[in-house]
Protein backbone atom coordinates (compact mmCIF):
# COMPACT_ATOMS: atom_id res chain seq x y z
CA MET A 1 -152.28 -11.51 -207.07
CA VAL A 2 -154.72 -8.62 -206.98
CA GLU A 3 -155.87 -8.53 -210.56
CA ARG A 4 -154.81 -4.82 -211.60
CA HIS A 5 -154.95 -3.10 -215.16
CA PHE A 6 -152.26 -0.83 -215.99
CA HIS A 7 -152.28 2.71 -218.09
CA VAL A 8 -148.71 2.88 -219.28
CA ILE A 9 -147.29 7.01 -220.08
CA LEU A 10 -144.61 6.14 -221.97
CA ASN A 11 -141.87 9.48 -222.29
CA THR A 12 -140.37 8.64 -225.78
CA ASN A 13 -137.59 11.37 -224.81
CA ALA A 14 -136.65 10.22 -221.16
CA GLY A 15 -133.10 9.72 -220.62
CA THR A 16 -132.63 6.16 -221.26
CA ALA A 17 -135.51 5.13 -223.32
CA HIS A 18 -133.92 5.78 -226.65
CA ALA A 19 -130.98 3.83 -225.25
CA THR A 20 -132.62 0.71 -224.08
CA GLY A 21 -134.65 0.53 -227.10
CA THR A 22 -138.07 0.71 -224.87
CA THR A 23 -141.36 1.65 -227.37
CA GLY A 24 -144.84 1.29 -227.05
CA GLU A 25 -144.34 -2.25 -228.78
CA THR A 26 -141.48 -3.31 -226.64
CA LEU A 27 -143.50 -2.45 -222.89
CA ALA A 28 -146.78 -4.08 -224.46
CA ALA A 29 -144.99 -7.02 -225.14
CA MET A 30 -142.94 -7.33 -221.52
CA PHE A 31 -146.45 -6.73 -220.11
CA ALA A 32 -148.08 -9.19 -221.66
CA GLU A 33 -145.32 -11.65 -220.99
CA ALA A 34 -145.55 -10.86 -217.20
CA GLY A 35 -149.64 -11.72 -217.51
CA LEU A 36 -150.60 -8.33 -216.77
CA GLU A 37 -153.04 -6.39 -218.33
CA ALA A 38 -151.53 -2.87 -219.87
CA THR A 39 -152.83 -0.22 -221.93
CA ILE A 40 -150.11 1.65 -223.46
CA ASP A 41 -149.63 5.23 -224.37
CA ALA A 42 -146.81 5.97 -226.33
CA ASP A 43 -148.39 8.93 -228.41
CA GLY A 44 -145.29 11.80 -227.67
CA ASP A 45 -146.76 14.04 -230.18
CA ALA A 46 -150.00 14.71 -227.55
CA PRO A 47 -150.08 16.95 -224.92
CA PHE A 48 -148.67 15.48 -221.39
CA LYS A 49 -151.49 16.94 -219.56
CA GLU A 50 -153.99 15.54 -222.23
CA ARG A 51 -152.40 12.47 -221.89
CA ILE A 52 -152.90 12.32 -218.04
CA GLU A 53 -156.21 12.68 -218.29
CA ARG A 54 -157.00 10.35 -220.70
CA ALA A 55 -155.05 8.03 -218.02
CA LEU A 56 -157.50 9.87 -215.17
CA GLN A 57 -160.20 8.93 -217.17
CA SER A 58 -159.30 5.15 -218.04
CA PRO A 59 -160.53 2.15 -216.14
CA ALA A 60 -156.86 1.53 -214.89
CA ASP A 61 -156.36 1.24 -211.07
CA THR A 62 -152.76 1.83 -211.91
CA ILE A 63 -151.08 4.21 -213.99
CA VAL A 64 -147.51 3.83 -214.95
CA ALA A 65 -145.02 7.08 -215.53
CA ALA A 66 -142.25 5.30 -218.11
CA GLY A 67 -140.17 7.87 -217.41
CA GLY A 68 -137.57 10.18 -215.26
CA ASP A 69 -138.21 11.73 -212.04
CA GLY A 70 -140.00 14.62 -213.76
CA THR A 71 -142.21 12.52 -215.74
CA ILE A 72 -142.83 10.71 -212.45
CA THR A 73 -143.66 14.12 -210.60
CA ALA A 74 -146.16 15.40 -213.40
CA LEU A 75 -147.87 12.51 -212.92
CA ALA A 76 -147.78 11.92 -209.00
CA HIS A 77 -149.16 15.68 -208.87
CA ALA A 78 -152.21 14.52 -210.75
CA LEU A 79 -153.01 11.95 -208.65
CA VAL A 80 -152.64 12.92 -205.16
CA GLY A 81 -156.23 12.80 -204.09
CA THR A 82 -157.17 10.20 -206.30
CA ASP A 83 -158.31 6.32 -206.04
CA LYS A 84 -155.81 5.78 -208.39
CA ASN A 85 -152.56 4.03 -207.97
CA LEU A 86 -148.48 5.16 -209.11
CA ALA A 87 -146.37 2.55 -210.65
CA ILE A 88 -142.67 3.29 -212.10
CA LEU A 89 -140.66 2.59 -214.74
CA PRO A 90 -137.44 3.89 -214.30
CA LEU A 91 -136.30 5.53 -217.76
CA GLY A 92 -134.40 8.23 -216.65
CA THR A 93 -130.88 9.41 -216.13
CA VAL A 94 -130.74 9.46 -212.07
CA ASN A 95 -133.87 7.59 -211.06
CA LEU A 96 -133.89 8.80 -207.59
CA LEU A 97 -137.37 8.09 -206.56
CA ALA A 98 -136.82 4.36 -207.66
CA ARG A 99 -133.96 4.01 -205.84
CA ASP A 100 -135.69 4.76 -202.92
CA LEU A 101 -138.50 2.42 -203.55
CA HIS A 102 -136.08 0.10 -204.10
CA LEU A 103 -137.44 -0.54 -207.16
CA PRO A 104 -135.34 -2.70 -210.10
CA LEU A 105 -133.42 -0.23 -212.27
CA THR A 106 -133.63 -2.08 -215.78
CA VAL A 107 -137.27 -1.90 -217.41
CA PRO A 108 -137.65 -5.67 -217.80
CA ASP A 109 -137.15 -6.04 -214.20
CA ALA A 110 -139.26 -3.07 -212.83
CA VAL A 111 -142.32 -4.94 -215.28
CA LYS A 112 -141.84 -8.15 -213.81
CA GLN A 113 -141.81 -6.78 -210.27
CA LEU A 114 -145.27 -5.35 -210.61
CA GLN A 115 -146.47 -8.90 -210.28
CA THR A 116 -145.84 -9.27 -206.63
CA ALA A 117 -145.61 -5.29 -205.45
CA GLU A 118 -147.58 -4.00 -202.91
CA LEU A 119 -149.27 -0.96 -202.38
CA ARG A 120 -147.60 1.88 -200.00
CA ARG A 121 -148.83 5.49 -198.90
CA ILE A 122 -145.69 7.64 -199.16
CA ASP A 123 -145.74 11.24 -197.96
CA VAL A 124 -145.84 14.57 -201.11
CA GLY A 125 -143.91 17.88 -200.76
CA GLN A 126 -145.81 20.96 -202.36
CA ILE A 127 -144.15 24.32 -203.41
CA ASN A 128 -146.89 27.11 -204.06
CA GLY A 129 -149.47 24.33 -204.51
CA GLN A 130 -146.86 22.26 -206.94
CA THR A 131 -145.96 18.68 -206.19
CA PHE A 132 -142.25 17.62 -205.40
CA LEU A 133 -141.38 14.00 -205.08
CA HIS A 134 -137.38 14.47 -204.03
CA LYS A 135 -136.50 17.89 -203.39
CA VAL A 136 -136.50 21.04 -204.63
CA VAL A 137 -133.48 23.63 -204.59
CA ILE A 138 -133.06 27.31 -204.83
CA GLY A 139 -130.04 29.39 -205.68
CA THR A 140 -126.84 28.53 -207.32
CA ILE A 141 -127.81 25.03 -208.27
CA PRO A 142 -130.80 25.56 -210.42
CA GLY A 143 -128.79 28.10 -212.81
CA VAL A 144 -125.93 25.18 -212.97
CA ALA A 145 -128.65 23.05 -213.60
CA ALA A 146 -129.65 24.84 -216.26
CA GLY A 147 -126.54 24.82 -218.51
CA ARG A 148 -126.50 21.18 -218.11
CA GLU A 149 -130.14 20.83 -220.07
CA HIS A 150 -128.08 22.14 -223.11
CA ILE A 151 -125.77 19.46 -222.86
CA ARG A 152 -128.34 16.18 -221.84
CA GLY A 153 -127.78 13.29 -224.30
CA THR A 154 -124.72 14.51 -225.67
CA MET A 155 -121.47 12.28 -224.24
CA SER A 156 -118.36 14.08 -226.02
CA ILE A 157 -115.28 14.37 -224.09
CA GLY A 158 -115.35 18.06 -225.40
CA THR A 159 -119.06 19.02 -224.32
CA LYS A 160 -118.14 17.69 -220.67
CA ILE A 161 -115.08 19.78 -220.05
CA ALA A 162 -117.04 22.79 -221.36
CA PHE A 163 -119.62 22.16 -219.47
CA PHE A 164 -117.08 21.43 -215.89
CA ARG A 165 -115.96 24.93 -217.32
CA TYR A 166 -119.44 26.27 -217.17
CA PHE A 167 -119.41 24.92 -213.68
CA THR A 168 -116.84 25.99 -212.26
CA ARG A 169 -117.02 30.06 -213.54
CA ARG A 170 -120.84 29.75 -212.04
CA LEU A 171 -119.78 29.08 -208.87
CA ALA A 172 -116.72 31.49 -208.73
CA ARG A 173 -119.29 34.15 -210.07
CA ALA A 174 -121.92 33.03 -207.75
CA ARG A 175 -122.98 35.82 -205.08
CA ARG A 176 -124.89 34.91 -201.49
CA MET A 177 -128.75 35.57 -201.38
CA ALA A 178 -130.66 36.88 -198.75
CA VAL A 179 -133.52 34.85 -197.50
CA ARG A 180 -136.18 35.32 -195.20
CA ILE A 181 -136.36 31.85 -193.68
CA MET A 182 -140.11 31.18 -192.03
CA PRO A 183 -141.27 27.94 -190.14
CA ARG A 184 -144.43 27.57 -188.91
CA SER A 185 -143.12 26.34 -185.72
CA GLY A 186 -140.20 28.48 -184.87
CA GLU A 187 -139.06 31.85 -185.09
CA ALA A 188 -138.08 33.51 -188.85
CA ARG A 189 -134.72 34.52 -189.65
CA VAL A 190 -132.60 36.26 -192.28
CA GLU A 191 -129.73 34.45 -193.41
CA ARG A 192 -127.42 34.81 -196.74
CA VAL A 193 -127.29 31.77 -198.58
CA GLN A 194 -125.45 30.32 -201.65
CA SER A 195 -128.38 27.26 -201.77
CA ILE A 196 -131.44 25.84 -200.21
CA ALA A 197 -132.66 22.43 -201.25
CA VAL A 198 -136.23 21.33 -199.15
CA SER A 199 -136.26 17.88 -199.64
CA SER A 200 -139.68 15.62 -198.48
CA ASN A 201 -138.08 13.64 -195.88
CA ALA A 202 -134.51 13.33 -195.10
CA TYR A 203 -131.63 12.17 -196.47
CA GLU A 204 -130.28 9.38 -194.88
CA GLU A 205 -125.96 9.13 -193.69
CA GLY A 206 -124.24 6.16 -194.76
CA PHE A 207 -121.27 4.88 -197.17
CA GLY A 208 -122.14 5.30 -200.72
CA LYS A 209 -125.12 6.57 -199.91
CA PHE A 210 -125.76 9.94 -202.31
CA PHE A 211 -129.00 11.69 -201.65
CA ALA A 212 -130.72 8.38 -200.42
CA ARG A 213 -133.68 8.30 -198.23
CA ASN A 214 -134.77 5.39 -196.39
CA ARG A 215 -138.22 6.43 -194.96
CA LEU A 216 -140.86 8.22 -197.09
CA ASP A 217 -143.62 8.38 -194.97
CA ARG A 218 -142.24 10.09 -191.57
CA GLY A 219 -144.37 13.15 -192.82
CA SER A 220 -141.60 15.99 -192.07
CA LEU A 221 -140.08 18.14 -194.83
CA THR A 222 -135.74 18.66 -194.54
CA LEU A 223 -134.22 22.55 -194.87
CA TYR A 224 -130.72 22.42 -196.03
CA VAL A 225 -128.80 25.73 -195.71
CA ILE A 226 -126.06 25.98 -198.07
CA LYS A 227 -123.87 28.95 -196.69
CA HIS A 228 -121.36 29.02 -199.00
CA LEU A 229 -120.80 26.76 -202.15
CA ASN A 230 -117.16 27.03 -204.17
CA LEU A 231 -115.41 24.27 -205.76
CA GLY A 232 -113.76 22.77 -202.77
CA ASP A 233 -116.74 22.76 -200.69
CA VAL A 234 -118.60 21.29 -203.91
CA ALA A 235 -115.44 18.23 -204.00
CA ARG A 236 -115.41 18.10 -199.57
CA LEU A 237 -119.34 17.87 -199.42
CA THR A 238 -119.51 14.81 -202.48
CA ALA A 239 -116.12 13.24 -200.70
CA ARG A 240 -118.42 13.18 -197.26
CA MET A 241 -121.61 12.14 -198.79
CA LEU A 242 -119.80 8.78 -200.49
CA LEU A 243 -118.25 8.22 -197.41
CA GLY A 244 -121.70 8.86 -195.13
CA ARG A 245 -120.36 11.61 -193.25
CA TRP A 246 -121.62 14.97 -194.30
CA ARG A 247 -124.28 16.16 -191.68
CA ASP A 248 -121.80 17.67 -189.52
CA ASP A 249 -120.33 19.68 -192.45
CA GLU A 250 -119.38 23.23 -191.50
CA ALA A 251 -120.66 24.55 -194.61
CA LEU A 252 -123.90 23.29 -194.40
CA THR A 253 -127.59 23.94 -191.66
CA ILE A 254 -129.75 21.36 -191.30
CA GLU A 255 -133.68 21.51 -190.06
CA SER A 256 -136.93 19.63 -190.09
CA VAL A 257 -139.86 21.06 -190.52
CA ASP A 258 -143.59 20.08 -191.52
CA GLU A 259 -144.00 24.02 -193.31
CA LEU A 260 -142.29 26.25 -194.33
CA THR A 261 -141.86 29.92 -196.49
CA ILE A 262 -139.00 31.57 -197.76
CA GLU A 263 -139.12 35.16 -199.10
CA THR A 264 -136.43 37.02 -201.03
CA ARG A 265 -136.43 40.42 -202.70
CA LYS A 266 -136.88 39.00 -206.24
CA LYS A 267 -140.39 38.49 -207.08
CA ALA A 268 -139.64 35.07 -209.17
CA LEU A 269 -136.93 32.44 -208.38
CA LYS A 270 -135.44 29.43 -210.57
CA VAL A 271 -135.88 26.19 -208.65
CA MET A 272 -134.29 23.00 -210.02
CA LEU A 273 -137.83 20.79 -208.44
CA ASP A 274 -137.07 17.09 -208.91
CA GLY A 275 -134.17 17.43 -211.49
CA GLU A 276 -136.37 19.82 -213.39
CA VAL A 277 -135.85 23.60 -213.70
CA GLU A 278 -139.00 25.83 -213.56
CA THR A 279 -139.50 29.28 -211.99
CA PHE A 280 -141.78 30.29 -209.24
CA SER A 281 -143.39 33.42 -208.02
CA THR A 282 -141.97 34.72 -204.67
CA PRO A 283 -142.82 34.01 -201.60
CA LEU A 284 -142.10 30.39 -201.51
CA HIS A 285 -144.60 28.08 -199.24
CA PHE A 286 -143.58 24.51 -198.95
CA LYS A 287 -145.43 22.07 -196.79
CA ILE A 288 -145.75 18.29 -196.64
CA LEU A 289 -148.85 15.85 -197.38
CA PRO A 290 -148.74 13.28 -195.27
CA LEU A 291 -148.97 9.78 -196.79
CA ALA A 292 -151.37 11.30 -199.97
CA LEU A 293 -149.61 9.31 -202.65
CA SER A 294 -150.19 5.41 -203.23
CA VAL A 295 -147.59 3.89 -204.68
CA LEU A 296 -146.91 0.52 -206.04
CA ALA A 297 -143.58 -1.03 -205.04
CA PRO A 298 -141.86 -3.30 -203.07
CA ALA A 299 -142.77 -3.49 -199.71
CA ALA A 300 -140.50 -1.17 -197.24
CA PRO A 301 -137.67 -2.56 -195.41
CA GLU A 302 -138.61 -2.80 -191.82
CA ALA A 303 -137.58 -0.71 -189.16
CA PRO A 304 -137.54 -1.01 -185.22
CA SER A 305 -140.58 0.78 -184.05
CA ASP A 306 -138.13 3.04 -181.72
CA ALA A 307 -136.06 3.64 -184.65
CA PRO A 308 -134.70 7.39 -184.08
CA LEU A 309 -135.36 9.97 -186.64
CA PRO A 310 -132.43 10.56 -188.52
CA LEU A 311 -132.63 14.50 -188.06
CA GLU A 312 -133.66 16.16 -184.42
CA GLU A 313 -135.87 19.14 -184.93
CA GLY A 314 -134.15 22.28 -185.09
CA LEU A 315 -131.14 23.26 -186.48
CA ALA A 316 -128.42 20.80 -186.61
CA PRO A 317 -124.82 21.27 -185.06
């Protein structure tokens, strides 16, 4: 095993940090028990940018994001172009990237697997120069996600019912927006859409696969255009995703690109970037940075050398 030094940045406000009792002290004990050398930064009062800068200046070769997808993405943005590696201790609510990398989803097991994990290089997406590791969504969905932030961590039935009512009202009132979609290779077009998602690499079809990617190194973005989205569409798409047969849904078109610009009449748009709602000035420019990030994770599953891409270039039927 290669001797590594880890610098761990713990997000004490992450989705499951409190629920699991994960603290700087418990993490230090886990790393010591695994025989791994680590510096633990649990300073939740310091600005996150300052904590990242300390990590970059440290002698550690691997910086560990102990948090959710937002924490991981923010740290990855700083690590692209450096000689340091990223490792993940999943403490989020969804942990999408950790699932794609086949990481253990409990912190003690995730620490133990660092003993045998391998270095892998994965693609990184960018929107207007900002890194994303999973997907960016514009349109109706970010507005719904912004409402979700107000109840994060609240588990009462009343709150959940109130959010469902809010969700259905937002869908009923949502209006399509006109966007100009300009792939670098291909013709520009204007469409009226409900939502657009751009993912780093493509989501797979398959029973029980929900926003799952088998490959993170194909060097392509995938554009998902949702033409209409009412409550029936949401129910149907969710069911079809769980059943593994959603790509040919009539509400959806899919396109594989390496670079893309999206224009709207609005000067700024709210987007959901790896689960966090942010505001970006328009136009929105997307590109893929192939193999730009080094991550410590289990070895990638082997695929036949002639395995077809999950999407052909161009629009899906």
